[in-house]
Amino acid sequence: MKMTLSFLFLLLLIFMFNSAINMVLAESAPAAVRDITGRKVRSGVGYYILPVVRGRGGGLTLGSNINGSCPFDVVQEQHEISNGFPLTFTPTNPKRGVIRVCTDLNIKFSAATICVQSTVWKLSNFDESTRQWFVTSGGVEGNPGRETIDNWFKIEKFAEEADDDYKLVFCPTVCNYCKVICRDVGVFIDSKGVRRLALSDKPFKIMLKKV
């Protein structure tokens, strides 16, 4: 009987300890990203990235790069009624189901293109003609580290008082010793009127809508 009570007491202590650890981890984890309905954004689920400010284009899609060739760049639809292509988000640990702010993510279009390349987002090389760093496709999914440093983006709150308004940021932390650029992602309008995603001092205010 004493042995049974001792065993039950030990189980109770283990349960209380695990509960306390889980509470600490939950409180220390970054806040979950939420869609326009207030639900948590989840890894592997399709979403549209839409502008909060309407009248300046629609959702995100793929279009020819600044040279009119492959790989395709990430661009904004000209018509605001268009949601663009669905996207999925994958954190560095794909087993984590909830997408959280300020954490490294792969962003991937759920679409096919004529370019024989992946639709994972990556930062392009610096374009001398426009003096811009464009967001393009052809990135590698997973394998966080130095070799994939250009493939990781973050979703951050646009402002603390804006519950569902976010911005995209390029500031990868998957390589501790790598020197990286840390900039917001904004919209650059080229000479033909194409709205291209590029690093900017003026962030693109977005919201997320589940497909």
C-alpha atoms as a PDB file:
ATOM      1  CA  MET A   1       0.000   0.000   0.000  1.00  0.00           C
ATOM      2  CA  LYS A   2       2.793   2.425   0.943  1.00  0.00           C
ATOM      3  CA  MET A   3       4.594   1.540  -2.251  1.00  0.00           C
ATOM      4  CA  THR A   4       1.447   2.237  -4.292  1.00  0.00           C
ATOM      5  CA  LEU A   5       0.945   5.640  -2.644  1.00  0.00           C
ATOM      6  CA  SER A   6       4.589   6.521  -3.204  1.00  0.00           C
ATOM      7  CA  PHE A   7       4.308   5.562  -6.855  1.00  0.00           C
ATOM      8  CA  LEU A   8       1.149   7.636  -7.300  1.00  0.00           C
ATOM      9  CA  PHE A   9       2.811  10.582  -5.552  1.00  0.00           C
ATOM     10  CA  LEU A  10       5.791  10.280  -7.905  1.00  0.00           C
ATOM     11  CA  LEU A  11       3.487  10.262 -10.935  1.00  0.00           C
ATOM     12  CA  LEU A  12       1.739  13.368  -9.600  1.00  0.00           C
ATOM     13  CA  LEU A  13       5.070  15.166  -9.190  1.00  0.00           C
ATOM     14  CA  ILE A  14       6.118  14.245 -12.737  1.00  0.00           C
ATOM     15  CA  PHE A  15       2.797  15.478 -14.114  1.00  0.00           C
ATOM     16  CA  MET A  16       3.052  18.772 -12.228  1.00  0.00           C
ATOM     17  CA  PHE A  17       6.648  19.243 -13.380  1.00  0.00           C
ATOM     18  CA  ASN A  18       5.760  18.614 -17.035  1.00  0.00           C
ATOM     19  CA  SER A  19       2.784  20.961 -16.805  1.00  0.00           C
ATOM     20  CA  ALA A  20       4.978  23.705 -15.370  1.00  0.00           C
ATOM     21  CA  ILE A  21       7.570  23.219 -18.121  1.00  0.00           C
ATOM     22  CA  ASN A  22       4.891  23.354 -20.821  1.00  0.00           C
ATOM     23  CA  MET A  23       3.464  26.564 -19.350  1.00  0.00           C
ATOM     24  CA  VAL A  24       6.900  28.201 -19.337  1.00  0.00           C
ATOM     25  CA  LEU A  25       7.537  27.131 -22.932  1.00  0.00           C
ATOM     26  CA  ALA A  26       4.123  28.384 -24.037  1.00  0.00           C
ATOM     27  CA  GLU A  27       4.694  31.773 -22.416  1.00  0.00           C
ATOM     28  CA  SER A  28       8.187  32.141 -23.881  1.00  0.00           C
ATOM     29  CA  ALA A  29       7.213  31.092 -27.430  1.00  0.00           C
ATOM     30  CA  PRO A  30       6.528  33.875 -29.957  1.00  0.00           C
ATOM     31  CA  ALA A  31       2.881  34.670 -30.600  1.00  0.00           C
ATOM     32  CA  ALA A  32       1.041  32.640 -33.218  1.00  0.00           C
ATOM     33  CA  VAL A  33       0.353  34.252 -36.579  1.00  0.00           C
ATOM     34  CA  ARG A  34      -3.409  34.524 -37.118  1.00  0.00           C
ATOM     35  CA  ASP A  35      -5.493  34.730 -40.277  1.00  0.00           C
ATOM     36  CA  ILE A  36      -8.267  37.226 -40.957  1.00  0.00           C
ATOM     37  CA  THR A  37     -10.740  35.089 -38.963  1.00  0.00           C
ATOM     38  CA  GLY A  38      -8.472  35.067 -35.909  1.00  0.00           C
ATOM     39  CA  ARG A  39      -7.465  31.428 -36.262  1.00  0.00           C
ATOM     40  CA  LYS A  40      -3.871  30.314 -35.912  1.00  0.00           C
ATOM     41  CA  VAL A  41      -1.965  29.944 -39.175  1.00  0.00           C
ATOM     42  CA  ARG A  42      -0.683  26.389 -39.564  1.00  0.00           C
ATOM     43  CA  SER A  43       2.216  24.823 -41.416  1.00  0.00           C
ATOM     44  CA  GLY A  44       1.391  23.148 -44.728  1.00  0.00           C
ATOM     45  CA  VAL A  45      -2.070  24.717 -44.989  1.00  0.00           C
ATOM     46  CA  GLY A  46      -2.868  26.959 -47.965  1.00  0.00           C
ATOM     47  CA  TYR A  47      -3.256  30.719 -47.443  1.00  0.00           C
ATOM     48  CA  TYR A  48      -3.446  33.837 -49.578  1.00  0.00           C
ATOM     49  CA  ILE A  49      -1.234  36.800 -48.720  1.00  0.00           C
ATOM     50  CA  LEU A  50      -3.410  39.871 -49.305  1.00  0.00           C
ATOM     51  CA  PRO A  51      -2.796  43.609 -48.931  1.00  0.00           C
ATOM     52  CA  VAL A  52      -4.476  45.323 -46.004  1.00  0.00           C
ATOM     53  CA  VAL A  53      -4.692  48.567 -47.956  1.00  0.00           C
ATOM     54  CA  ARG A  54      -7.037  47.957 -50.877  1.00  0.00           C
ATOM     55  CA  GLY A  55      -6.920  49.733 -54.220  1.00  0.00           C
ATOM     56  CA  ARG A  56      -3.214  49.095 -54.797  1.00  0.00           C
ATOM     57  CA  GLY A  57      -3.225  45.619 -56.249  1.00  0.00           C
ATOM     58  CA  GLY A  58      -4.368  42.213 -55.074  1.00  0.00           C
ATOM     59  CA  GLY A  59      -2.756  39.035 -53.768  1.00  0.00           C
ATOM     60  CA  LEU A  60       0.643  37.603 -54.634  1.00  0.00           C
ATOM     61  CA  THR A  61       1.563  35.559 -57.678  1.00  0.00           C
ATOM     62  CA  LEU A  62       4.543  34.822 -59.915  1.00  0.00           C
ATOM     63  CA  GLY A  63       5.753  36.804 -62.906  1.00  0.00           C
ATOM     64  CA  SER A  64       8.789  37.037 -65.163  1.00  0.00           C
ATOM     65  CA  ASN A  65      11.818  38.568 -63.487  1.00  0.00           C
ATOM     66  CA  ILE A  66      13.085  42.053 -64.281  1.00  0.00           C
ATOM     67  CA  ASN A  67      14.875  40.659 -67.355  1.00  0.00           C
ATOM     68  CA  GLY A  68      11.721  38.964 -68.637  1.00  0.00           C
ATOM     69  CA  SER A  69      12.938  35.430 -67.971  1.00  0.00           C
ATOM     70  CA  CYS A  70      13.220  32.715 -65.313  1.00  0.00           C
ATOM     71  CA  PRO A  71      13.257  32.345 -62.383  1.00  0.00           C
ATOM     72  CA  PHE A  72       9.924  34.022 -61.816  1.00  0.00           C
ATOM     73  CA  ASP A  73       9.762  36.836 -59.262  1.00  0.00           C
ATOM     74  CA  VAL A  74       7.133  37.241 -56.559  1.00  0.00           C
ATOM     75  CA  VAL A  75       4.773  39.969 -57.782  1.00  0.00           C
ATOM     76  CA  GLN A  76       1.482  41.481 -56.743  1.00  0.00           C
ATOM     77  CA  GLU A  77      -1.626  41.071 -58.886  1.00  0.00           C
ATOM     78  CA  GLN A  78      -2.646  44.296 -60.619  1.00  0.00           C
ATOM     79  CA  HIS A  79      -6.352  43.783 -59.846  1.00  0.00           C
ATOM     80  CA  GLU A  80      -7.321  43.990 -56.199  1.00  0.00           C
ATOM     81  CA  ILE A  81     -10.156  41.454 -56.616  1.00  0.00           C
ATOM     82  CA  SER A  82      -7.599  38.702 -57.328  1.00  0.00           C
ATOM     83  CA  ASN A  83      -6.317  36.634 -54.409  1.00  0.00           C
ATOM     84  CA  GLY A  84      -3.273  35.457 -56.353  1.00  0.00           C
ATOM     85  CA  PHE A  85      -1.744  32.019 -55.795  1.00  0.00           C
ATOM     86  CA  PRO A  86      -2.136  30.031 -52.560  1.00  0.00           C
ATOM     87  CA  LEU A  87       0.966  29.695 -50.398  1.00  0.00           C
ATOM     88  CA  THR A  88       2.169  27.407 -47.629  1.00  0.00           C
ATOM     89  CA  PHE A  89       4.499  28.211 -44.754  1.00  0.00           C
ATOM     90  CA  THR A  90       7.031  25.777 -43.295  1.00  0.00           C
ATOM     91  CA  PRO A  91       9.158  26.554 -40.213  1.00  0.00           C
ATOM     92  CA  THR A  92      12.698  25.277 -39.698  1.00  0.00           C
ATOM     93  CA  ASN A  93      11.204  22.404 -37.705  1.00  0.00           C
ATOM     94  CA  PRO A  94       8.408  21.136 -39.996  1.00  0.00           C
ATOM     95  CA  LYS A  95       6.881  19.155 -37.118  1.00  0.00           C
ATOM     96  CA  ARG A  96       5.760  22.378 -35.484  1.00  0.00           C
ATOM     97  CA  GLY A  97       2.233  22.895 -36.683  1.00  0.00           C
ATOM     98  CA  VAL A  98       1.646  26.528 -35.695  1.00  0.00           C
ATOM     99  CA  ILE A  99       3.359  29.377 -37.541  1.00  0.00           C
ATOM    100  CA  ARG A 100       4.743  31.994 -35.150  1.00  0.00           C
ATOM    101  CA  VAL A 101       5.883  35.565 -35.605  1.00  0.00           C
ATOM    102  CA  CYS A 102       9.569  36.416 -35.887  1.00  0.00           C
ATOM    103  CA  THR A 103      10.582  32.841 -36.772  1.00  0.00           C
ATOM    104  CA  ASP A 104      12.321  31.592 -39.920  1.00  0.00           C
ATOM    105  CA  LEU A 105       9.973  30.216 -42.574  1.00  0.00           C
ATOM    106  CA  ASN A 106      10.017  28.833 -46.068  1.00  0.00           C
ATOM    107  CA  ILE A 107       7.229  30.355 -48.155  1.00  0.00           C
ATOM    108  CA  LYS A 108       6.091  28.344 -51.158  1.00  0.00           C
ATOM    109  CA  PHE A 109       3.487  28.928 -53.854  1.00  0.00           C
ATOM    110  CA  SER A 110       1.093  26.042 -54.466  1.00  0.00           C
ATOM    111  CA  ALA A 111       1.334  26.490 -58.219  1.00  0.00           C
ATOM    112  CA  ALA A 112       3.193  25.306 -61.299  1.00  0.00           C
ATOM    113  CA  THR A 113       5.058  27.538 -63.748  1.00  0.00           C
ATOM    114  CA  ILE A 114       6.817  27.188 -67.089  1.00  0.00           C
ATOM    115  CA  CYS A 115      10.112  27.665 -65.262  1.00  0.00           C
ATOM    116  CA  VAL A 116      11.546  24.287 -64.296  1.00  0.00           C
ATOM    117  CA  GLN A 117      12.267  25.459 -60.756  1.00  0.00           C
ATOM    118  CA  SER A 118      10.704  25.307 -57.332  1.00  0.00           C
ATOM    119  CA  THR A 119       8.198  27.917 -56.208  1.00  0.00           C
ATOM    120  CA  VAL A 120       9.926  28.393 -52.851  1.00  0.00           C
ATOM    121  CA  TRP A 121      10.713  32.030 -52.180  1.00  0.00           C
ATOM    122  CA  LYS A 122      14.297  33.231 -52.041  1.00  0.00           C
ATOM    123  CA  LEU A 123      16.130  36.539 -52.133  1.00  0.00           C
ATOM    124  CA  SER A 124      17.639  37.229 -55.554  1.00  0.00           C
ATOM    125  CA  ASN A 125      21.059  38.661 -56.233  1.00  0.00           C
ATOM    126  CA  PHE A 126      21.274  42.442 -56.168  1.00  0.00           C
ATOM    127  CA  ASP A 127      19.931  43.933 -59.396  1.00  0.00           C
ATOM    128  CA  GLU A 128      22.234  46.720 -60.527  1.00  0.00           C
ATOM    129  CA  SER A 129      19.788  48.234 -63.028  1.00  0.00           C
ATOM    130  CA  THR A 130      17.125  48.960 -60.405  1.00  0.00           C
ATOM    131  CA  ARG A 131      19.317  48.903 -57.273  1.00  0.00           C
ATOM    132  CA  GLN A 132      16.916  46.400 -55.731  1.00  0.00           C
ATOM    133  CA  TRP A 133      16.958  43.063 -53.932  1.00  0.00           C
ATOM    134  CA  PHE A 134      13.941  41.262 -55.388  1.00  0.00           C
ATOM    135  CA  VAL A 135      12.064  38.308 -53.900  1.00  0.00           C
ATOM    136  CA  THR A 136      12.145  35.521 -56.438  1.00  0.00           C
ATOM    137  CA  SER A 137      11.467  31.768 -56.696  1.00  0.00           C
ATOM    138  CA  GLY A 138      13.682  28.722 -57.114  1.00  0.00           C
ATOM    139  CA  GLY A 139      14.586  28.362 -53.446  1.00  0.00           C
ATOM    140  CA  VAL A 140      15.261  25.168 -51.503  1.00  0.00           C
ATOM    141  CA  GLU A 141      12.731  23.954 -48.952  1.00  0.00           C
ATOM    142  CA  GLY A 142      14.114  22.940 -45.569  1.00  0.00           C
ATOM    143  CA  ASN A 143      17.759  22.187 -44.730  1.00  0.00           C
ATOM    144  CA  PRO A 144      18.298  25.379 -42.662  1.00  0.00           C
ATOM    145  CA  GLY A 145      21.889  26.586 -42.727  1.00  0.00           C
ATOM    146  CA  ARG A 146      24.456  28.570 -44.655  1.00  0.00           C
ATOM    147  CA  GLU A 147      23.638  26.978 -48.023  1.00  0.00           C
ATOM    148  CA  THR A 148      19.962  27.966 -47.803  1.00  0.00           C
ATOM    149  CA  ILE A 149      20.342  31.343 -46.101  1.00  0.00           C
ATOM    150  CA  ASP A 150      18.492  33.191 -48.908  1.00  0.00           C
ATOM    151  CA  ASN A 151      15.385  30.987 -48.595  1.00  0.00           C
ATOM    152  CA  TRP A 152      14.139  32.047 -45.156  1.00  0.00           C
ATOM    153  CA  PHE A 153      11.666  34.819 -44.405  1.00  0.00           C
ATOM    154  CA  LYS A 154       9.675  35.905 -41.364  1.00  0.00           C
ATOM    155  CA  ILE A 155       6.187  37.157 -40.642  1.00  0.00           C
ATOM    156  CA  GLU A 156       6.125  39.942 -38.061  1.00  0.00           C
ATOM    157  CA  LYS A 157       3.445  42.176 -36.592  1.00  0.00           C
ATOM    158  CA  PHE A 158       3.113  45.385 -38.577  1.00  0.00           C
ATOM    159  CA  ALA A 159       2.342  47.218 -35.352  1.00  0.00           C
ATOM    160  CA  GLU A 160       1.528  45.989 -31.868  1.00  0.00           C
ATOM    161  CA  GLU A 161      -1.935  47.560 -31.909  1.00  0.00           C
ATOM    162  CA  ALA A 162      -2.870  45.896 -35.216  1.00  0.00           C
ATOM    163  CA  ASP A 163      -4.071  42.396 -34.316  1.00  0.00           C
ATOM    164  CA  ASP A 164      -4.191  40.822 -37.779  1.00  0.00           C
ATOM    165  CA  ASP A 165      -1.904  43.134 -39.748  1.00  0.00           C
ATOM    166  CA  TYR A 166       1.521  41.735 -40.523  1.00  0.00           C
ATOM    167  CA  LYS A 167       4.572  42.385 -42.644  1.00  0.00           C
ATOM    168  CA  LEU A 168       7.139  40.162 -44.322  1.00  0.00           C
ATOM    169  CA  VAL A 169      10.753  40.426 -43.260  1.00  0.00           C
ATOM    170  CA  PHE A 170      14.020  39.044 -44.590  1.00  0.00           C
ATOM    171  CA  CYS A 171      16.383  38.535 -41.656  1.00  0.00           C
ATOM    172  CA  PRO A 172      17.327  34.832 -41.504  1.00  0.00           C
ATOM    173  CA  THR A 173      18.758  33.406 -38.288  1.00  0.00           C
ATOM    174  CA  VAL A 174      19.362  29.862 -39.530  1.00  0.00           C
ATOM    175  CA  CYS A 175      23.132  30.513 -39.624  1.00  0.00           C
ATOM    176  CA  ASN A 176      24.714  31.960 -36.478  1.00  0.00           C
ATOM    177  CA  TYR A 177      27.964  33.026 -38.138  1.00  0.00           C
ATOM    178  CA  CYS A 178      26.588  34.301 -41.462  1.00  0.00           C
ATOM    179  CA  LYS A 179      26.383  38.001 -42.254  1.00  0.00           C
ATOM    180  CA  VAL A 180      22.885  38.715 -43.544  1.00  0.00           C
ATOM    181  CA  ILE A 181      20.741  41.621 -44.657  1.00  0.00           C
ATOM    182  CA  CYS A 182      17.845  42.509 -42.357  1.00  0.00           C
ATOM    183  CA  ARG A 183      15.130  44.477 -44.153  1.00  0.00           C
ATOM    184  CA  ASP A 184      11.378  44.625 -44.482  1.00  0.00           C
ATOM    185  CA  VAL A 185       9.773  43.348 -47.669  1.00  0.00           C
ATOM    186  CA  GLY A 186       7.916  46.017 -49.624  1.00  0.00           C
ATOM    187  CA  VAL A 187       6.576  46.612 -53.118  1.00  0.00           C
ATOM    188  CA  PHE A 188       8.730  48.047 -55.915  1.00  0.00           C
ATOM    189  CA  ILE A 189       6.889  49.280 -59.020  1.00  0.00           C
ATOM    190  CA  ASP A 190       9.083  48.846 -62.088  1.00  0.00           C
ATOM    191  CA  SER A 191       9.080  50.871 -65.312  1.00  0.00           C
ATOM    192  CA  LYS A 192       6.304  48.683 -66.748  1.00  0.00           C
ATOM    193  CA  GLY A 193       4.080  49.066 -63.716  1.00  0.00           C
ATOM    194  CA  VAL A 194       4.721  45.569 -62.371  1.00  0.00           C
ATOM    195  CA  ARG A 195       4.485  45.479 -58.590  1.00  0.00           C
ATOM    196  CA  ARG A 196       7.449  43.368 -57.447  1.00  0.00           C
ATOM    197  CA  LEU A 197       8.272  42.303 -53.907  1.00  0.00           C
ATOM    198  CA  ALA A 198      11.657  43.641 -52.873  1.00  0.00           C
ATOM    199  CA  LEU A 199      13.557  44.650 -49.760  1.00  0.00           C
ATOM    200  CA  SER A 200      12.353  48.070 -48.704  1.00  0.00           C
ATOM    201  CA  ASP A 201      12.247  50.678 -45.947  1.00  0.00           C
ATOM    202  CA  LYS A 202       8.481  50.769 -46.430  1.00  0.00           C
ATOM    203  CA  PRO A 203       6.966  47.391 -45.455  1.00  0.00           C
ATOM    204  CA  PHE A 204       4.071  45.804 -47.301  1.00  0.00           C
ATOM    205  CA  LYS A 205       1.152  45.572 -44.838  1.00  0.00           C
ATOM    206  CA  ILE A 206      -0.481  42.165 -45.282  1.00  0.00           C
ATOM    207  CA  MET A 207      -3.170  39.866 -43.934  1.00  0.00           C
ATOM    208  CA  LEU A 208      -3.603  36.136 -44.376  1.00  0.00           C
ATOM    209  CA  LYS A 209      -6.709  34.415 -45.708  1.00  0.00           C
ATOM    210  CA  LYS A 210      -7.130  30.647 -45.567  1.00  0.00           C
ATOM    211  CA  VAL A 211      -7.782  29.003 -48.933  1.00  0.00           C
END
